[in-house]
Amino acid sequence: MSPRTIPLNRYYAEQAVHSMCIVFTIAGFILFLRHQQRSKCLGVLLVHIATYIFYSLGSLFVSSLTLIQQHWILPEHIDHNTVNFWKTNVYLLGRFVASISGAFLALDRLLIVTVPLRYRSLEVTSKLSIVTVVIQIVGVCIAVLGNVNDKLMHQNIFSSPFLYIARLLSCIGNVFSFMAYSEVILYFAFCVSYWRYSRRQTNAAAASRIMRVW
């Protein structure tokens, strides 16, 4: 579909929504940090909120580029294909990173219900948050290497062995597409486990122990 065929009102509305998401996620991040100062514990939920701040910023960036294309005010030396390249990659990377943090948050919630005592003693949420950030960084690096593979091949910047490695990493990067499905499955398992846990509690005080962990 040509950029001119899409109403501009849609992109103005998208920018408004993304801007509101940025404001709300930053506000939630600040409030959660104040709570974390008392508990002194880095958690997966904090990483997930921070991830969605960057995801909202990336979505606003993509929407802004599209709006600029609609007005055809790009400098002549900038190709529209290059702009579309960045729009697509920023959008996909945002989805991958958000899916990763969402899946680990679902796993974190599931472990709270299934092994609450070991969850606290082993500081599982802190360890999972570190693993989440590491996987996100590695995933972004894999995606970047895969995207520049063709450019490096045409420019002959690196040797042939490096190109094979970059192509392999690009294929590995496709594994992250299953994270969204994992997130849904883990949240479903959490809902079932939490329901079963709540039914086993004999009083309100025991039932509220998990809520204090959150």
C-alpha atoms as a PDB file:
ATOM      1  CA  MET A   1       0.000   0.000   0.000  1.00  0.00           C
ATOM      2  CA  SER A   2       1.362   3.398  -0.923  1.00  0.00           C
ATOM      3  CA  PRO A   3       2.132   5.770   1.953  1.00  0.00           C
ATOM      4  CA  ARG A   4      -0.314   8.346   0.490  1.00  0.00           C
ATOM      5  CA  THR A   5      -3.260   5.954   0.607  1.00  0.00           C
ATOM      6  CA  ILE A   6      -3.262   5.699   4.416  1.00  0.00           C
ATOM      7  CA  PRO A   7      -5.037   8.519   6.312  1.00  0.00           C
ATOM      8  CA  LEU A   8      -2.718  10.720   8.344  1.00  0.00           C
ATOM      9  CA  ASN A   9      -5.187  10.682  11.236  1.00  0.00           C
ATOM     10  CA  ARG A  10      -4.233   7.078  11.888  1.00  0.00           C
ATOM     11  CA  TYR A  11      -0.581   7.988  12.461  1.00  0.00           C
ATOM     12  CA  TYR A  12      -1.458  10.992  14.604  1.00  0.00           C
ATOM     13  CA  ALA A  13      -3.618   8.680  16.721  1.00  0.00           C
ATOM     14  CA  GLU A  14      -0.785   6.129  16.938  1.00  0.00           C
ATOM     15  CA  GLN A  15       1.634   8.802  18.091  1.00  0.00           C
ATOM     16  CA  ALA A  16      -0.822   9.931  20.764  1.00  0.00           C
ATOM     17  CA  VAL A  17      -1.272   6.356  22.009  1.00  0.00           C
ATOM     18  CA  HIS A  18       2.474   5.655  22.032  1.00  0.00           C
ATOM     19  CA  SER A  19       3.142   8.926  23.871  1.00  0.00           C
ATOM     20  CA  MET A  20       0.561   8.020  26.516  1.00  0.00           C
ATOM     21  CA  CYS A  21       2.127   4.573  26.881  1.00  0.00           C
ATOM     22  CA  ILE A  22       5.544   6.172  27.425  1.00  0.00           C
ATOM     23  CA  VAL A  23       4.171   8.481  30.115  1.00  0.00           C
ATOM     24  CA  PHE A  24       2.332   5.691  31.950  1.00  0.00           C
ATOM     25  CA  THR A  25       5.205   3.206  31.763  1.00  0.00           C
ATOM     26  CA  ILE A  26       7.733   5.782  33.003  1.00  0.00           C
ATOM     27  CA  ALA A  27       5.377   6.706  35.856  1.00  0.00           C
ATOM     28  CA  GLY A  28       4.969   3.027  36.720  1.00  0.00           C
ATOM     29  CA  PHE A  29       8.729   2.519  36.531  1.00  0.00           C
ATOM     30  CA  ILE A  30       9.358   5.379  38.986  1.00  0.00           C
ATOM     31  CA  LEU A  31       6.681   4.186  41.410  1.00  0.00           C
ATOM     32  CA  PHE A  32       7.997   0.637  41.257  1.00  0.00           C
ATOM     33  CA  LEU A  33      11.551   1.861  41.889  1.00  0.00           C
ATOM     34  CA  ARG A  34      10.381   3.558  45.072  1.00  0.00           C
ATOM     35  CA  HIS A  35       8.869   0.288  46.190  1.00  0.00           C
ATOM     36  CA  GLN A  36      12.037  -1.575  45.254  1.00  0.00           C
ATOM     37  CA  GLN A  37      14.145   0.751  47.400  1.00  0.00           C
ATOM     38  CA  ARG A  38      12.429  -0.726  50.420  1.00  0.00           C
ATOM     39  CA  SER A  39      12.796  -4.322  49.298  1.00  0.00           C
ATOM     40  CA  LYS A  40      16.279  -3.839  47.751  1.00  0.00           C
ATOM     41  CA  CYS A  41      15.639  -6.450  45.100  1.00  0.00           C
ATOM     42  CA  LEU A  42      15.911  -6.209  41.345  1.00  0.00           C
ATOM     43  CA  GLY A  43      13.010  -8.087  39.804  1.00  0.00           C
ATOM     44  CA  VAL A  44      11.735  -9.320  36.468  1.00  0.00           C
ATOM     45  CA  LEU A  45       8.703  -7.042  36.736  1.00  0.00           C
ATOM     46  CA  LEU A  46      10.986  -3.998  36.886  1.00  0.00           C
ATOM     47  CA  VAL A  47      12.878  -5.215  33.802  1.00  0.00           C
ATOM     48  CA  HIS A  48       9.565  -5.831  32.031  1.00  0.00           C
ATOM     49  CA  ILE A  49       8.365  -2.291  32.720  1.00  0.00           C
ATOM     50  CA  ALA A  50      11.685  -0.865  31.519  1.00  0.00           C
ATOM     51  CA  THR A  51      11.458  -3.004  28.389  1.00  0.00           C
ATOM     52  CA  TYR A  52       8.053  -1.583  27.553  1.00  0.00           C
ATOM     53  CA  ILE A  53       9.408   1.935  27.933  1.00  0.00           C
ATOM     54  CA  PHE A  54      11.908   1.203  25.163  1.00  0.00           C
ATOM     55  CA  TYR A  55       9.242  -0.653  23.183  1.00  0.00           C
ATOM     56  CA  SER A  56       6.950   2.384  23.344  1.00  0.00           C
ATOM     57  CA  LEU A  57       9.803   4.681  22.333  1.00  0.00           C
ATOM     58  CA  GLY A  58      10.566   2.426  19.371  1.00  0.00           C
ATOM     59  CA  SER A  59       6.909   2.367  18.334  1.00  0.00           C
ATOM     60  CA  LEU A  60       6.793   6.172  18.523  1.00  0.00           C
ATOM     61  CA  PHE A  61       9.939   6.301  16.385  1.00  0.00           C
ATOM     62  CA  VAL A  62       8.396   4.041  13.739  1.00  0.00           C
ATOM     63  CA  SER A  63       5.163   6.038  13.709  1.00  0.00           C
ATOM     64  CA  SER A  64       7.111   9.300  13.384  1.00  0.00           C
ATOM     65  CA  LEU A  65       9.112   7.988  10.430  1.00  0.00           C
ATOM     66  CA  THR A  66       5.901   6.903   8.732  1.00  0.00           C
ATOM     67  CA  LEU A  67       4.386  10.323   9.301  1.00  0.00           C
ATOM     68  CA  ILE A  68       7.467  11.964   7.809  1.00  0.00           C
ATOM     69  CA  GLN A  69       7.182   9.711   4.776  1.00  0.00           C
ATOM     70  CA  GLN A  70       3.546  10.698   4.393  1.00  0.00           C
ATOM     71  CA  HIS A  71       4.571  14.349   3.957  1.00  0.00           C
ATOM     72  CA  TRP A  72       7.512  13.433   1.672  1.00  0.00           C
ATOM     73  CA  ILE A  73       9.858  15.767   3.564  1.00  0.00           C
ATOM     74  CA  LEU A  74      12.787  13.373   3.676  1.00  0.00           C
ATOM     75  CA  PRO A  75      16.099  14.750   2.371  1.00  0.00           C
ATOM     76  CA  GLU A  76      16.882  13.684  -1.166  1.00  0.00           C
ATOM     77  CA  HIS A  77      19.959  11.712  -0.129  1.00  0.00           C
ATOM     78  CA  ILE A  78      17.843   9.459   2.147  1.00  0.00           C
ATOM     79  CA  ASP A  79      16.255   6.518   0.386  1.00  0.00           C
ATOM     80  CA  HIS A  80      12.737   5.434   1.376  1.00  0.00           C
ATOM     81  CA  ASN A  81      13.891   1.814   1.302  1.00  0.00           C
ATOM     82  CA  THR A  82      16.443   2.646   3.988  1.00  0.00           C
ATOM     83  CA  VAL A  83      13.744   4.261   6.104  1.00  0.00           C
ATOM     84  CA  ASN A  84      11.489   1.231   5.662  1.00  0.00           C
ATOM     85  CA  PHE A  85      14.418  -1.008   6.609  1.00  0.00           C
ATOM     86  CA  TRP A  86      14.859   0.776   9.942  1.00  0.00           C
ATOM     87  CA  LYS A  87      11.130   0.935  10.587  1.00  0.00           C
ATOM     88  CA  THR A  88      10.733  -2.798  10.114  1.00  0.00           C
ATOM     89  CA  ASN A  89      13.744  -3.749  12.203  1.00  0.00           C
ATOM     90  CA  VAL A  90      12.953  -1.420  15.090  1.00  0.00           C
ATOM     91  CA  TYR A  91       9.387  -2.742  15.154  1.00  0.00           C
ATOM     92  CA  LEU A  92      10.443  -6.406  15.067  1.00  0.00           C
ATOM     93  CA  LEU A  93      13.239  -5.954  17.606  1.00  0.00           C
ATOM     94  CA  GLY A  94      10.791  -4.256  19.946  1.00  0.00           C
ATOM     95  CA  ARG A  95       8.406  -7.180  19.687  1.00  0.00           C
ATOM     96  CA  PHE A  96      11.179  -9.717  20.259  1.00  0.00           C
ATOM     97  CA  VAL A  97      12.535  -7.935  23.335  1.00  0.00           C
ATOM     98  CA  ALA A  98       9.069  -7.405  24.804  1.00  0.00           C
ATOM     99  CA  SER A  99       8.202 -11.075  24.235  1.00  0.00           C
ATOM    100  CA  ILE A 100      11.380 -12.174  26.007  1.00  0.00           C
ATOM    101  CA  SER A 101      10.710 -10.069  29.095  1.00  0.00           C
ATOM    102  CA  GLY A 102       7.048 -11.107  29.055  1.00  0.00           C
ATOM    103  CA  ALA A 103       7.915 -14.800  28.953  1.00  0.00           C
ATOM    104  CA  PHE A 104      10.369 -14.503  31.834  1.00  0.00           C
ATOM    105  CA  LEU A 105       7.858 -12.464  33.832  1.00  0.00           C
ATOM    106  CA  ALA A 106       5.317 -15.247  33.339  1.00  0.00           C
ATOM    107  CA  LEU A 107       7.930 -17.792  34.474  1.00  0.00           C
ATOM    108  CA  ASP A 108       8.693 -15.617  37.500  1.00  0.00           C
ATOM    109  CA  ARG A 109       5.006 -15.480  38.464  1.00  0.00           C
ATOM    110  CA  LEU A 110       4.709 -19.232  38.019  1.00  0.00           C
ATOM    111  CA  LEU A 111       7.672 -19.930  40.317  1.00  0.00           C
ATOM    112  CA  ILE A 112       6.184 -17.684  43.005  1.00  0.00           C
ATOM    113  CA  VAL A 113       3.170 -19.978  43.184  1.00  0.00           C
ATOM    114  CA  THR A 114       4.861 -23.343  42.761  1.00  0.00           C
ATOM    115  CA  VAL A 115       7.947 -22.880  44.973  1.00  0.00           C
ATOM    116  CA  PRO A 116       7.323 -19.768  47.113  1.00  0.00           C
ATOM    117  CA  LEU A 117       9.826 -20.579  49.889  1.00  0.00           C
ATOM    118  CA  ARG A 118      12.740 -21.409  47.601  1.00  0.00           C
ATOM    119  CA  TYR A 119      11.754 -18.466  45.419  1.00  0.00           C
ATOM    120  CA  ARG A 120      12.466 -16.087  48.299  1.00  0.00           C
ATOM    121  CA  SER A 121      15.545 -17.840  49.694  1.00  0.00           C
ATOM    122  CA  LEU A 122      17.274 -18.239  46.317  1.00  0.00           C
ATOM    123  CA  GLU A 123      16.347 -14.721  45.112  1.00  0.00           C
ATOM    124  CA  VAL A 124      14.979 -16.213  41.913  1.00  0.00           C
ATOM    125  CA  THR A 125      13.547 -12.961  40.610  1.00  0.00           C
ATOM    126  CA  SER A 126      16.939 -11.216  40.728  1.00  0.00           C
ATOM    127  CA  LYS A 127      18.595 -14.032  38.825  1.00  0.00           C
ATOM    128  CA  LEU A 128      15.818 -14.232  36.265  1.00  0.00           C
ATOM    129  CA  SER A 129      16.022 -10.477  35.689  1.00  0.00           C
ATOM    130  CA  ILE A 130      19.738 -10.747  34.903  1.00  0.00           C
ATOM    131  CA  VAL A 131      19.113 -13.659  32.535  1.00  0.00           C
ATOM    132  CA  THR A 132      16.344 -11.668  30.843  1.00  0.00           C
ATOM    133  CA  VAL A 133      18.577  -8.662  30.201  1.00  0.00           C
ATOM    134  CA  VAL A 134      21.420 -10.852  28.917  1.00  0.00           C
ATOM    135  CA  ILE A 135      19.142 -12.704  26.490  1.00  0.00           C
ATOM    136  CA  GLN A 136      17.672  -9.406  25.288  1.00  0.00           C
ATOM    137  CA  ILE A 137      21.129  -7.967  24.585  1.00  0.00           C
ATOM    138  CA  VAL A 138      22.289 -11.159  22.853  1.00  0.00           C
ATOM    139  CA  GLY A 139      19.069 -11.275  20.826  1.00  0.00           C
ATOM    140  CA  VAL A 140      19.490  -7.683  19.630  1.00  0.00           C
ATOM    141  CA  CYS A 141      23.119  -8.377  18.671  1.00  0.00           C
ATOM    142  CA  ILE A 142      22.069 -11.484  16.752  1.00  0.00           C
ATOM    143  CA  ALA A 143      19.395  -9.543  14.891  1.00  0.00           C
ATOM    144  CA  VAL A 144      21.799  -6.717  14.035  1.00  0.00           C
ATOM    145  CA  LEU A 145      24.418  -9.142  12.734  1.00  0.00           C
ATOM    146  CA  GLY A 146      21.794 -10.904  10.653  1.00  0.00           C
ATOM    147  CA  ASN A 147      20.484  -7.645   9.180  1.00  0.00           C
ATOM    148  CA  VAL A 148      23.893  -6.315   8.183  1.00  0.00           C
ATOM    149  CA  ASN A 149      24.869  -9.650   6.649  1.00  0.00           C
ATOM    150  CA  ASP A 150      23.798  -8.705   3.127  1.00  0.00           C
ATOM    151  CA  LYS A 151      25.417  -5.273   3.347  1.00  0.00           C
ATOM    152  CA  LEU A 152      28.703  -6.791   4.491  1.00  0.00           C
ATOM    153  CA  MET A 153      28.549  -9.345   1.700  1.00  0.00           C
ATOM    154  CA  HIS A 154      28.138  -6.677  -0.987  1.00  0.00           C
ATOM    155  CA  GLN A 155      30.825  -4.423   0.466  1.00  0.00           C
ATOM    156  CA  ASN A 156      33.282  -7.278   1.161  1.00  0.00           C
ATOM    157  CA  ILE A 157      34.160  -5.758   4.528  1.00  0.00           C
ATOM    158  CA  PHE A 158      34.716  -9.051   6.319  1.00  0.00           C
ATOM    159  CA  SER A 159      36.058 -12.392   5.271  1.00  0.00           C
ATOM    160  CA  SER A 160      33.878 -15.252   4.140  1.00  0.00           C
ATOM    161  CA  PRO A 161      34.013 -17.162   7.482  1.00  0.00           C
ATOM    162  CA  PHE A 162      32.495 -14.164   9.265  1.00  0.00           C
ATOM    163  CA  LEU A 163      29.633 -14.072   6.783  1.00  0.00           C
ATOM    164  CA  TYR A 164      28.844 -17.718   7.471  1.00  0.00           C
ATOM    165  CA  ILE A 165      28.796 -16.981  11.206  1.00  0.00           C
ATOM    166  CA  ALA A 166      26.543 -13.955  10.675  1.00  0.00           C
ATOM    167  CA  ARG A 167      24.167 -16.037   8.558  1.00  0.00           C
ATOM    168  CA  LEU A 168      24.082 -18.731  11.265  1.00  0.00           C
ATOM    169  CA  LEU A 169      23.347 -16.152  13.954  1.00  0.00           C
ATOM    170  CA  SER A 170      20.581 -14.749  11.786  1.00  0.00           C
ATOM    171  CA  CYS A 171      18.959 -18.185  11.647  1.00  0.00           C
ATOM    172  CA  ILE A 172      19.319 -18.594  15.410  1.00  0.00           C
ATOM    173  CA  GLY A 173      17.587 -15.242  15.860  1.00  0.00           C
ATOM    174  CA  ASN A 174      14.405 -16.756  14.446  1.00  0.00           C
ATOM    175  CA  VAL A 175      14.132 -18.850  17.614  1.00  0.00           C
ATOM    176  CA  PHE A 176      12.944 -15.787  19.510  1.00  0.00           C
ATOM    177  CA  SER A 177       9.677 -15.820  17.577  1.00  0.00           C
ATOM    178  CA  PHE A 178       8.435 -18.643  19.809  1.00  0.00           C
ATOM    179  CA  MET A 179       8.786 -16.500  22.972  1.00  0.00           C
ATOM    180  CA  ALA A 180       5.309 -15.021  22.537  1.00  0.00           C
ATOM    181  CA  TYR A 181       3.794 -18.509  22.492  1.00  0.00           C
ATOM    182  CA  SER A 182       5.846 -19.454  25.550  1.00  0.00           C
ATOM    183  CA  GLU A 183       4.531 -16.382  27.356  1.00  0.00           C
ATOM    184  CA  VAL A 184       0.912 -17.422  26.751  1.00  0.00           C
ATOM    185  CA  ILE A 185       1.577 -20.999  27.884  1.00  0.00           C
ATOM    186  CA  LEU A 186       3.411 -19.875  31.039  1.00  0.00           C
ATOM    187  CA  TYR A 187       0.680 -17.427  31.987  1.00  0.00           C
ATOM    188  CA  PHE A 188      -1.917 -20.136  31.521  1.00  0.00           C
ATOM    189  CA  ALA A 189       0.125 -22.438  33.766  1.00  0.00           C
ATOM    190  CA  PHE A 190       0.421 -19.635  36.315  1.00  0.00           C
ATOM    191  CA  CYS A 191      -3.348 -19.050  36.375  1.00  0.00           C
ATOM    192  CA  VAL A 192      -3.994 -22.752  36.918  1.00  0.00           C
ATOM    193  CA  SER A 193      -1.304 -23.034  39.616  1.00  0.00           C
ATOM    194  CA  TYR A 194      -2.486 -19.912  41.412  1.00  0.00           C
ATOM    195  CA  TRP A 195      -6.066 -21.140  41.391  1.00  0.00           C
ATOM    196  CA  ARG A 196      -5.000 -24.499  42.838  1.00  0.00           C
ATOM    197  CA  TYR A 197      -2.793 -22.800  45.420  1.00  0.00           C
ATOM    198  CA  SER A 198      -5.585 -20.489  46.558  1.00  0.00           C
ATOM    199  CA  ARG A 199      -7.956 -23.425  47.031  1.00  0.00           C
ATOM    200  CA  ARG A 200      -5.433 -25.132  49.338  1.00  0.00           C
ATOM    201  CA  GLN A 201      -5.172 -22.148  51.693  1.00  0.00           C
ATOM    202  CA  THR A 202      -7.016 -22.444  54.983  1.00  0.00           C
ATOM    203  CA  ASN A 203      -7.095 -18.770  55.932  1.00  0.00           C
ATOM    204  CA  ALA A 204      -6.710 -15.310  54.429  1.00  0.00           C
ATOM    205  CA  ALA A 205      -3.281 -14.725  55.995  1.00  0.00           C
ATOM    206  CA  ALA A 206      -1.821 -17.785  54.301  1.00  0.00           C
ATOM    207  CA  ALA A 207      -3.432 -16.849  51.009  1.00  0.00           C
ATOM    208  CA  SER A 208      -1.844 -13.384  51.126  1.00  0.00           C
ATOM    209  CA  ARG A 209       1.754 -14.615  51.437  1.00  0.00           C
ATOM    210  CA  ILE A 210       2.245 -14.749  47.695  1.00  0.00           C
ATOM    211  CA  MET A 211       0.802 -11.278  47.282  1.00  0.00           C
ATOM    212  CA  ARG A 212       3.525  -9.885  49.571  1.00  0.00           C
ATOM    213  CA  VAL A 213       6.168 -11.437  47.315  1.00  0.00           C
ATOM    214  CA  TRP A 214       4.797  -9.540  44.293  1.00  0.00           C
END
